[in-house]
N, C-alpha and C. Protein backbone atom coordinates (compact mmCIF):
# COMPACT_ATOMS: atom_id res chain seq x y z
N MET A 1 -22.70 -23.70 39.39
CA MET A 1 -23.33 -22.79 38.46
C MET A 1 -22.51 -21.51 38.30
N GLN A 2 -21.81 -21.13 39.35
CA GLN A 2 -21.03 -19.89 39.30
C GLN A 2 -19.91 -19.99 38.27
N CYS A 3 -19.30 -21.15 38.10
CA CYS A 3 -18.22 -21.33 37.14
C CYS A 3 -18.70 -21.06 35.71
N VAL A 4 -19.90 -21.50 35.39
CA VAL A 4 -20.44 -21.28 34.06
C VAL A 4 -20.62 -19.78 33.81
N TYR A 5 -21.15 -19.06 34.81
CA TYR A 5 -21.36 -17.62 34.69
C TYR A 5 -20.02 -16.90 34.49
N GLN A 6 -19.03 -17.27 35.29
CA GLN A 6 -17.72 -16.62 35.16
C GLN A 6 -17.11 -16.90 33.79
N SER A 7 -17.23 -18.14 33.34
CA SER A 7 -16.70 -18.49 32.03
C SER A 7 -17.42 -17.70 30.94
N SER A 8 -18.74 -17.61 31.06
CA SER A 8 -19.53 -16.85 30.08
C SER A 8 -19.14 -15.38 30.11
N HIS A 9 -18.92 -14.83 31.29
CA HIS A 9 -18.51 -13.43 31.43
C HIS A 9 -17.15 -13.21 30.78
N LEU A 10 -16.22 -14.11 31.00
CA LEU A 10 -14.89 -13.99 30.40
C LEU A 10 -14.97 -14.09 28.88
N THR A 11 -15.84 -14.94 28.39
CA THR A 11 -16.03 -15.06 26.94
C THR A 11 -16.54 -13.75 26.36
N ARG A 12 -17.50 -13.12 27.04
CA ARG A 12 -18.02 -11.83 26.57
C ARG A 12 -16.92 -10.77 26.56
N VAL A 13 -16.09 -10.76 27.58
CA VAL A 13 -15.01 -9.78 27.65
C VAL A 13 -14.02 -10.01 26.52
N ARG A 14 -13.69 -11.25 26.27
CA ARG A 14 -12.74 -11.56 25.19
C ARG A 14 -13.33 -11.17 23.84
N LEU A 15 -14.62 -11.43 23.64
CA LEU A 15 -15.26 -11.04 22.38
C LEU A 15 -15.26 -9.53 22.20
N GLN A 16 -15.47 -8.80 23.30
CA GLN A 16 -15.42 -7.35 23.23
C GLN A 16 -14.01 -6.88 22.86
N ASP A 17 -12.99 -7.51 23.44
CA ASP A 17 -11.62 -7.16 23.11
C ASP A 17 -11.31 -7.44 21.65
N ILE A 18 -11.76 -8.59 21.16
CA ILE A 18 -11.55 -8.94 19.76
C ILE A 18 -12.24 -7.94 18.85
N THR A 19 -13.45 -7.57 19.19
CA THR A 19 -14.19 -6.59 18.40
C THR A 19 -13.47 -5.24 18.38
N LEU A 20 -12.95 -4.83 19.52
CA LEU A 20 -12.23 -3.57 19.60
C LEU A 20 -10.97 -3.61 18.74
N VAL A 21 -10.22 -4.68 18.80
CA VAL A 21 -9.01 -4.82 17.99
C VAL A 21 -9.37 -4.84 16.50
N ARG A 22 -10.42 -5.59 16.15
CA ARG A 22 -10.86 -5.65 14.76
C ARG A 22 -11.23 -4.26 14.25
N ASP A 23 -11.96 -3.50 15.04
CA ASP A 23 -12.36 -2.15 14.63
C ASP A 23 -11.15 -1.24 14.45
N ARG A 24 -10.16 -1.38 15.31
CA ARG A 24 -8.94 -0.57 15.17
C ARG A 24 -8.17 -0.94 13.91
N ILE A 25 -8.12 -2.23 13.60
CA ILE A 25 -7.42 -2.67 12.39
C ILE A 25 -8.15 -2.15 11.16
N ILE A 26 -9.46 -2.23 11.15
CA ILE A 26 -10.23 -1.73 10.00
C ILE A 26 -10.00 -0.24 9.82
N LYS A 27 -10.00 0.52 10.90
CA LYS A 27 -9.77 1.96 10.82
C LYS A 27 -8.37 2.25 10.28
N TRP A 28 -7.36 1.50 10.75
CA TRP A 28 -5.99 1.69 10.30
C TRP A 28 -5.85 1.37 8.81
N VAL A 29 -6.47 0.28 8.36
CA VAL A 29 -6.40 -0.11 6.94
C VAL A 29 -7.08 0.94 6.07
N LEU A 30 -8.23 1.42 6.49
CA LEU A 30 -8.92 2.45 5.70
C LEU A 30 -8.11 3.75 5.63
N THR A 31 -7.46 4.11 6.73
CA THR A 31 -6.60 5.29 6.73
C THR A 31 -5.43 5.10 5.78
N LEU A 32 -4.83 3.93 5.79
CA LEU A 32 -3.71 3.64 4.91
C LEU A 32 -4.13 3.67 3.44
N VAL A 33 -5.28 3.10 3.13
CA VAL A 33 -5.79 3.10 1.76
C VAL A 33 -6.06 4.53 1.30
N LEU A 34 -6.63 5.35 2.15
CA LEU A 34 -6.89 6.75 1.80
C LEU A 34 -5.59 7.50 1.55
N TYR A 35 -4.58 7.26 2.40
CA TYR A 35 -3.28 7.92 2.25
C TYR A 35 -2.62 7.53 0.92
N ILE A 36 -2.66 6.24 0.59
CA ILE A 36 -2.08 5.79 -0.68
C ILE A 36 -2.85 6.38 -1.86
N ALA A 37 -4.16 6.45 -1.75
CA ALA A 37 -4.97 7.05 -2.83
C ALA A 37 -4.60 8.52 -3.04
N LEU A 38 -4.39 9.25 -1.95
CA LEU A 38 -3.99 10.65 -2.07
C LEU A 38 -2.62 10.78 -2.72
N LEU A 39 -1.69 9.92 -2.36
CA LEU A 39 -0.36 9.97 -2.97
C LEU A 39 -0.42 9.60 -4.45
N LEU A 40 -1.27 8.62 -4.80
CA LEU A 40 -1.44 8.26 -6.21
C LEU A 40 -2.02 9.44 -6.98
N TYR A 41 -2.99 10.11 -6.41
CA TYR A 41 -3.62 11.26 -7.06
C TYR A 41 -2.61 12.39 -7.24
N ALA A 42 -1.75 12.58 -6.27
CA ALA A 42 -0.76 13.66 -6.33
C ALA A 42 0.41 13.32 -7.26
N GLY A 43 0.50 12.07 -7.70
CA GLY A 43 1.57 11.67 -8.60
C GLY A 43 2.87 11.32 -7.88
N GLU A 44 2.84 11.21 -6.57
CA GLU A 44 4.04 10.87 -5.83
C GLU A 44 4.29 9.36 -5.83
N ILE A 45 3.26 8.59 -6.08
CA ILE A 45 3.37 7.14 -6.21
C ILE A 45 2.78 6.78 -7.57
N LYS A 46 3.49 5.92 -8.29
CA LYS A 46 2.98 5.44 -9.58
C LYS A 46 3.10 3.93 -9.62
N ALA A 47 2.31 3.32 -10.48
CA ALA A 47 2.33 1.87 -10.63
C ALA A 47 3.28 1.48 -11.75
N CYS A 48 4.02 0.41 -11.52
CA CYS A 48 4.93 -0.12 -12.54
C CYS A 48 4.12 -0.45 -13.78
N PRO A 49 4.61 -0.05 -14.97
CA PRO A 49 3.85 -0.32 -16.20
C PRO A 49 3.76 -1.81 -16.54
N ARG A 50 4.64 -2.63 -15.98
CA ARG A 50 4.61 -4.06 -16.30
C ARG A 50 3.81 -4.86 -15.27
N CYS A 51 4.11 -4.70 -13.99
CA CYS A 51 3.48 -5.56 -12.97
C CYS A 51 2.48 -4.83 -12.08
N GLY A 52 2.48 -3.51 -12.10
CA GLY A 52 1.52 -2.75 -11.30
C GLY A 52 1.93 -2.49 -9.87
N ALA A 53 3.14 -2.89 -9.49
CA ALA A 53 3.63 -2.63 -8.13
C ALA A 53 3.74 -1.12 -7.92
N LEU A 54 3.40 -0.67 -6.72
CA LEU A 54 3.47 0.76 -6.42
C LEU A 54 4.92 1.18 -6.17
N ILE A 55 5.32 2.31 -6.77
CA ILE A 55 6.70 2.78 -6.69
C ILE A 55 6.70 4.23 -6.27
N VAL A 56 7.59 4.58 -5.36
CA VAL A 56 7.75 5.96 -4.90
C VAL A 56 9.08 6.47 -5.41
N LYS A 57 9.08 7.66 -5.99
CA LYS A 57 10.33 8.28 -6.43
C LYS A 57 10.58 9.48 -5.54
N MET A 58 11.75 9.54 -4.97
CA MET A 58 12.12 10.67 -4.13
C MET A 58 12.25 11.91 -5.01
N ASP A 59 11.70 13.00 -4.57
CA ASP A 59 11.76 14.25 -5.32
C ASP A 59 13.05 14.99 -4.95
N ASP A 60 14.18 14.40 -5.37
CA ASP A 60 15.47 14.97 -5.02
C ASP A 60 16.28 15.34 -6.25
N GLY A 61 15.61 15.43 -7.40
CA GLY A 61 16.30 15.80 -8.63
C GLY A 61 17.05 14.65 -9.27
N SER A 62 16.79 13.43 -8.81
CA SER A 62 17.50 12.27 -9.36
C SER A 62 16.93 11.89 -10.73
N CYS A 63 17.58 10.94 -11.34
CA CYS A 63 17.25 10.47 -12.68
C CYS A 63 15.82 9.92 -12.75
N ASN A 64 15.19 10.04 -13.91
CA ASN A 64 13.84 9.53 -14.12
C ASN A 64 13.83 8.10 -14.65
N HIS A 65 15.00 7.50 -14.80
CA HIS A 65 15.12 6.11 -15.23
C HIS A 65 14.91 5.24 -13.99
N MET A 66 13.81 4.49 -13.97
CA MET A 66 13.44 3.71 -12.80
C MET A 66 13.54 2.22 -13.11
N THR A 67 13.79 1.43 -12.07
CA THR A 67 13.78 -0.03 -12.18
C THR A 67 12.87 -0.58 -11.09
N CYS A 68 11.89 -1.35 -11.50
CA CYS A 68 10.95 -1.96 -10.55
C CYS A 68 11.67 -3.05 -9.77
N THR A 69 11.54 -3.02 -8.45
CA THR A 69 12.20 -4.03 -7.62
C THR A 69 11.45 -5.35 -7.62
N VAL A 70 10.23 -5.37 -8.13
CA VAL A 70 9.44 -6.60 -8.16
C VAL A 70 9.70 -7.39 -9.43
N CYS A 71 9.58 -6.73 -10.60
CA CYS A 71 9.71 -7.45 -11.88
C CYS A 71 10.93 -7.04 -12.69
N ALA A 72 11.71 -6.08 -12.19
CA ALA A 72 12.95 -5.60 -12.83
C ALA A 72 12.70 -4.86 -14.14
N ALA A 73 11.48 -4.40 -14.35
CA ALA A 73 11.21 -3.60 -15.55
C ALA A 73 11.90 -2.25 -15.43
N GLU A 74 12.50 -1.79 -16.51
CA GLU A 74 13.09 -0.46 -16.55
C GLU A 74 12.12 0.44 -17.29
N PHE A 75 11.82 1.60 -16.69
CA PHE A 75 10.84 2.49 -17.31
C PHE A 75 11.16 3.94 -16.98
N CYS A 76 10.53 4.83 -17.73
CA CYS A 76 10.70 6.27 -17.55
C CYS A 76 9.62 6.76 -16.57
N TRP A 77 10.03 7.47 -15.53
CA TRP A 77 9.10 7.99 -14.53
C TRP A 77 8.15 9.03 -15.14
N LEU A 78 8.61 9.78 -16.11
CA LEU A 78 7.79 10.86 -16.68
C LEU A 78 6.68 10.34 -17.57
N CYS A 79 7.01 9.44 -18.51
CA CYS A 79 5.99 8.96 -19.46
C CYS A 79 5.45 7.57 -19.09
N MET A 80 6.07 6.91 -18.12
CA MET A 80 5.66 5.59 -17.63
C MET A 80 5.69 4.52 -18.71
N GLN A 81 6.60 4.67 -19.67
CA GLN A 81 6.79 3.67 -20.71
C GLN A 81 8.04 2.87 -20.40
N GLU A 82 8.00 1.56 -20.71
CA GLU A 82 9.20 0.76 -20.52
C GLU A 82 10.29 1.28 -21.45
N ILE A 83 11.50 1.24 -20.96
CA ILE A 83 12.64 1.77 -21.71
C ILE A 83 13.10 0.73 -22.71
N SER A 84 13.23 1.18 -23.96
CA SER A 84 13.73 0.34 -25.03
C SER A 84 14.89 1.07 -25.69
N ASP A 85 15.45 0.49 -26.72
CA ASP A 85 16.58 1.13 -27.40
C ASP A 85 16.20 2.47 -28.01
N ILE A 86 14.93 2.61 -28.42
CA ILE A 86 14.51 3.84 -29.10
C ILE A 86 13.72 4.77 -28.17
N HIS A 87 13.63 4.44 -26.90
CA HIS A 87 12.81 5.23 -25.97
C HIS A 87 13.18 6.71 -25.99
N TYR A 88 14.46 7.02 -25.91
CA TYR A 88 14.87 8.41 -25.81
C TYR A 88 14.85 9.14 -27.15
N LEU A 89 14.59 8.43 -28.24
CA LEU A 89 14.51 9.05 -29.55
C LEU A 89 13.11 9.58 -29.85
N ARG A 90 12.16 9.23 -29.03
CA ARG A 90 10.78 9.68 -29.27
C ARG A 90 10.61 11.14 -28.97
């Protein structure tokens, strides 16, 4: 009978460990989502106009002509329009 109790006790401990890990993962994911939302709100991250992939532009004075690494769309960081032959004439 003692083996069953020990096995049951170990199962409870493992379930507690799993619950603790799950709670930590949920907290980490929620923190990450909040951080990305704040960056989106601040305009430091924008979504590709074609595929919606999130893109970060370094604020180092570089060119505003961006290329999405996911779908290869070329777009303007300022107006978020895909670049065409007449884009700069607008």
